């Protein structure tokens, strides 16, 4: 049945041009063309979440996390959870996905209200996640893994560079606070001892409300940990990419 649908999409369907474009992007011929059309339909073209790409974006986000987690788990058999989690976040952060979406020219596929919406990194990153969700539904998990490896990891991700890259969460958080004119400050909440080691506990406050807590052997490292909590909690990276 899938072979028949693929043949129809390539040679009979009124969306033959889209099928050929998708074939070049995906590396295979799609069978369920409607799910890919939905993957590129921005919410500005729909009044309901289920008729835009938002649900597929949710699915694709989970599938991408799974694929990357599996890959990193096997790539680094002697590294701990913290390292693996940080590496995954560096790969799938909103800014990076938006950049990859741009390099894959996903803007050429997008269906959006051109009178009200300007395509940016967030929209492209969302479209990439929705596309991954569509691939999973149309072709299954193994094909989705192949797409992630061939179209995302292999051409655009340098693990050695990422491993040495360090996100300056505190600097990014101050940038975000400045953008919205928020008051941001860090306060030492506690100094405690673990054996002979002194540990600082620091709280990060936004507009006077504590939003994150971090611990470290010095104030700087504790502030960094607290800043990272707020960074993730408030989706700062995604917000700054808009």
Protein backbone atom coordinates (compact mmCIF):
# COMPACT_ATOMS: atom_id res chain seq x y z
CA UNK A 1 0.00 0.00 0.00
CA UNK A 2 2.80 2.43 0.85
CA UNK A 3 4.49 1.77 -2.50
CA UNK A 4 1.27 2.65 -4.30
CA UNK A 5 0.88 5.86 -2.30
CA UNK A 6 4.48 6.84 -2.97
CA UNK A 7 3.99 6.24 -6.71
CA UNK A 8 0.79 8.32 -6.61
CA UNK A 9 2.52 11.14 -4.76
CA UNK A 10 5.41 11.21 -7.24
CA UNK A 11 3.52 10.94 -10.51
CA UNK A 12 -0.23 11.55 -10.08
CA UNK A 13 -0.87 13.74 -7.05
CA UNK A 14 -1.53 17.46 -7.55
CA UNK A 15 1.24 17.92 -4.97
CA UNK A 16 3.88 16.20 -7.11
CA UNK A 17 6.23 19.18 -6.85
CA UNK A 18 6.10 19.08 -3.05
CA UNK A 19 6.71 15.33 -3.11
CA UNK A 20 9.88 15.76 -5.16
CA UNK A 21 11.05 18.60 -2.88
CA UNK A 22 10.45 16.46 0.19
CA UNK A 23 12.23 13.53 -1.40
CA UNK A 24 15.32 15.70 -1.81
CA UNK A 25 15.09 16.89 1.79
CA UNK A 26 14.28 13.55 3.42
CA UNK A 27 16.25 11.12 1.32
CA UNK A 28 13.15 9.00 0.68
CA UNK A 29 9.72 9.37 -0.91
CA UNK A 30 6.96 10.20 1.60
CA UNK A 31 3.86 8.03 1.62
CA UNK A 32 1.60 10.15 3.83
CA UNK A 33 1.92 13.54 2.19
CA UNK A 34 -0.74 15.16 4.38
CA UNK A 35 1.30 14.72 7.56
CA UNK A 36 4.24 16.54 5.99
CA UNK A 37 2.01 19.35 4.77
CA UNK A 38 0.73 19.65 8.34
CA UNK A 39 4.32 19.71 9.67
CA UNK A 40 4.93 22.96 7.79
CA UNK A 41 1.61 24.63 8.56
CA UNK A 42 2.23 27.45 11.01
CA UNK A 43 -0.38 28.37 13.62
CA UNK A 44 -0.95 31.70 11.83
CA UNK A 45 -2.73 29.68 9.13
CA UNK A 46 -4.96 27.84 11.56
CA UNK A 47 -7.25 28.68 14.45
CA UNK A 48 -6.90 25.25 16.07
CA UNK A 49 -3.78 23.57 17.46
CA UNK A 50 -4.65 20.24 15.86
CA UNK A 51 -4.77 21.79 12.37
CA UNK A 52 -1.32 23.40 12.65
CA UNK A 53 2.11 21.87 13.24
CA UNK A 54 2.05 22.36 17.02
CA UNK A 55 1.10 18.77 17.90
CA UNK A 56 3.71 17.39 15.50
CA UNK A 57 6.26 19.75 17.05
CA UNK A 58 5.49 18.22 20.46
CA UNK A 59 5.93 14.70 19.09
CA UNK A 60 9.09 15.57 17.15
CA UNK A 61 10.67 17.18 20.20
CA UNK A 62 10.24 13.93 22.15
CA UNK A 63 11.49 11.75 19.29
CA UNK A 64 14.53 13.97 18.72
CA UNK A 65 15.40 13.85 22.42
CA UNK A 66 15.14 10.05 22.28
CA UNK A 67 17.36 9.72 19.21
CA UNK A 68 20.01 12.10 20.55
CA UNK A 69 19.94 10.50 24.01
CA UNK A 70 20.44 7.05 22.52
CA UNK A 71 23.25 8.30 20.31
CA UNK A 72 25.11 10.05 23.15
CA UNK A 73 24.61 7.12 25.52
CA UNK A 74 26.41 4.84 23.05
CA UNK A 75 28.96 7.45 21.96
CA UNK A 76 30.17 8.17 25.50
CA UNK A 77 29.91 4.88 27.47
CA UNK A 78 32.01 6.19 30.36
CA UNK A 79 30.42 9.59 30.86
CA UNK A 80 27.79 10.36 33.50
CA UNK A 81 24.23 11.63 33.32
CA UNK A 82 25.19 15.27 33.83
CA UNK A 83 27.58 15.29 30.87
CA UNK A 84 25.08 13.47 28.62
CA UNK A 85 22.26 15.84 29.57
CA UNK A 86 24.39 18.92 28.93
CA UNK A 87 25.57 17.60 25.56
CA UNK A 88 22.01 16.84 24.53
CA UNK A 89 20.87 20.34 25.53
CA UNK A 90 23.68 21.85 23.45
CA UNK A 91 22.52 19.87 20.40
CA UNK A 92 18.76 20.38 20.67
CA UNK A 93 18.58 23.92 22.07
CA UNK A 94 16.14 26.19 20.27
CA UNK A 95 18.76 28.47 18.73
CA UNK A 96 20.72 25.57 17.21
CA UNK A 97 17.59 23.90 15.83
CA UNK A 98 16.58 27.20 14.25
CA UNK A 99 19.99 27.52 12.60
CA UNK A 100 19.77 23.96 11.26
CA UNK A 101 16.23 24.60 10.02
CA UNK A 102 17.54 27.62 8.13
CA UNK A 103 20.42 25.61 6.59
CA UNK A 104 17.94 22.94 5.50
CA UNK A 105 15.91 25.74 3.84
CA UNK A 106 12.73 24.79 5.70
CA UNK A 107 11.43 28.29 5.06
CA UNK A 108 10.80 27.16 1.47
CA UNK A 109 8.25 24.64 2.77
CA UNK A 110 6.52 26.79 5.38
CA UNK A 111 2.85 27.66 5.06
CA UNK A 112 2.28 30.80 7.13
CA UNK A 113 0.49 34.15 7.04
CA UNK A 114 3.04 36.33 5.28
CA UNK A 115 1.12 39.47 6.19
CA UNK A 116 1.54 39.01 9.92
CA UNK A 117 4.41 36.62 10.55
CA UNK A 118 8.12 37.01 10.02
CA UNK A 119 10.05 33.75 9.80
CA UNK A 120 12.69 33.50 12.54
CA UNK A 121 14.80 30.89 14.26
CA UNK A 122 12.03 29.84 16.62
CA UNK A 123 9.60 29.14 13.79
CA UNK A 124 12.24 27.21 11.84
CA UNK A 125 13.26 25.20 14.91
CA UNK A 126 9.62 24.36 15.58
CA UNK A 127 9.17 23.32 11.95
CA UNK A 128 12.22 21.05 12.18
CA UNK A 129 10.77 19.32 15.23
CA UNK A 130 7.39 18.99 13.51
CA UNK A 131 9.13 17.52 10.46
CA UNK A 132 10.81 14.91 12.67
CA UNK A 133 7.39 14.06 14.11
CA UNK A 134 6.01 13.66 10.59
CA UNK A 135 8.89 11.40 9.53
CA UNK A 136 8.26 9.21 12.58
CA UNK A 137 4.55 8.86 11.76
CA UNK A 138 5.15 8.23 8.06
CA UNK A 139 8.25 6.04 8.06
CA UNK A 140 8.91 4.87 11.63
CA UNK A 141 11.65 5.26 14.21
CA UNK A 142 14.58 3.83 12.21
CA UNK A 143 14.00 6.17 9.27
CA UNK A 144 13.74 9.04 11.72
CA UNK A 145 17.09 8.08 13.26
CA UNK A 146 18.64 7.98 9.78
CA UNK A 147 17.30 11.45 9.02
CA UNK A 148 18.64 12.86 12.31
CA UNK A 149 22.08 11.32 11.71
CA UNK A 150 22.38 12.23 8.03
CA UNK A 151 20.68 15.63 8.01
CA UNK A 152 21.37 17.02 11.48
CA UNK A 153 24.21 15.33 13.36
CA UNK A 154 26.61 14.54 10.52
CA UNK A 155 26.58 17.85 8.61
CA UNK A 156 25.91 20.36 11.39
CA UNK A 157 27.04 19.00 14.77
CA UNK A 158 30.71 18.85 15.80
CA UNK A 159 30.70 16.95 19.08
CA UNK A 160 34.30 17.84 19.92
CA UNK A 161 33.55 21.54 19.56
CA UNK A 162 30.31 21.21 21.52
CA UNK A 163 32.02 19.28 24.27
CA UNK A 164 34.38 22.19 24.86
CA UNK A 165 31.71 24.86 24.42
CA UNK A 166 30.34 26.35 27.60
CA UNK A 167 27.08 28.27 27.65
CA UNK A 168 27.48 31.39 29.78
CA UNK A 169 24.10 31.05 31.47
CA UNK A 170 24.60 34.02 33.75
CA UNK A 171 25.52 36.34 30.87
CA UNK A 172 22.60 35.10 28.78
CA UNK A 173 20.26 35.55 31.73
CA UNK A 174 21.36 39.17 32.19
CA UNK A 175 20.84 39.71 28.45
CA UNK A 176 17.30 38.34 28.79
CA UNK A 177 16.59 40.47 31.88
CA UNK A 178 17.81 43.57 30.05
CA UNK A 179 15.57 42.75 27.09
CA UNK A 180 12.47 42.88 29.30
CA UNK A 181 13.80 45.41 31.83
CA UNK A 182 13.63 42.81 34.62
CA UNK A 183 15.52 43.22 37.87
CA UNK A 184 17.93 40.28 38.21
CA UNK A 185 20.13 39.60 41.20
CA UNK A 186 21.93 36.76 42.94
CA UNK A 187 21.95 36.35 46.73
CA UNK A 188 23.93 33.99 48.94
CA UNK A 189 21.34 31.99 50.88
CA UNK A 190 23.62 29.77 52.88
CA UNK A 191 27.18 28.66 53.45
CA UNK A 192 27.54 25.06 54.56
CA UNK A 193 30.20 22.42 54.89
CA UNK A 194 30.46 18.97 53.37
CA UNK A 195 33.37 17.48 55.20
CA UNK A 196 36.21 19.96 54.79
CA UNK A 197 34.64 21.60 51.74
CA UNK A 198 32.74 24.88 52.01
CA UNK A 199 29.64 25.04 49.81
CA UNK A 200 27.83 28.21 48.79
CA UNK A 201 24.08 28.15 48.13
CA UNK A 202 22.94 31.01 45.89
CA UNK A 203 19.45 32.07 44.81
CA UNK A 204 18.65 33.80 41.51
CA UNK A 205 15.91 36.42 41.83
CA UNK A 206 13.85 37.91 39.00
CA UNK A 207 11.77 40.93 39.97
CA UNK A 208 12.32 40.04 43.63
CA UNK A 209 11.04 36.47 43.30
CA UNK A 210 13.46 33.57 43.65
CA UNK A 211 13.41 31.50 40.46
CA UNK A 212 16.41 29.20 40.89
CA UNK A 213 18.95 27.89 43.37
CA UNK A 214 22.51 26.72 42.77
CA UNK A 215 25.35 25.26 44.80
CA UNK A 216 29.10 25.45 44.31
CA UNK A 217 32.47 25.58 46.00
CA UNK A 218 32.57 29.32 45.33
CA UNK A 219 29.99 32.02 44.72
CA UNK A 220 30.71 32.16 40.99
CA UNK A 221 30.00 28.48 40.35
CA UNK A 222 26.89 28.61 42.56
CA UNK A 223 25.60 31.61 40.61
CA UNK A 224 26.23 29.75 37.36
CA UNK A 225 24.15 26.79 38.55
CA UNK A 226 21.34 29.06 39.73
CA UNK A 227 21.41 30.95 36.43
CA UNK A 228 21.14 27.69 34.52
CA UNK A 229 18.04 26.70 36.49
CA UNK A 230 16.33 29.99 35.57
CA UNK A 231 17.63 29.75 31.98
CA UNK A 232 15.89 26.39 31.51
CA UNK A 233 12.81 27.26 33.57
CA UNK A 234 12.10 30.46 31.66
CA UNK A 235 13.12 29.12 28.20
CA UNK A 236 15.60 32.00 27.98
CA UNK A 237 17.50 30.55 25.00
CA UNK A 238 14.30 30.23 22.99
CA UNK A 239 13.15 33.70 24.01
CA UNK A 240 16.44 35.34 23.02
CA UNK A 241 16.34 33.56 19.64
CA UNK A 242 13.06 35.28 18.71
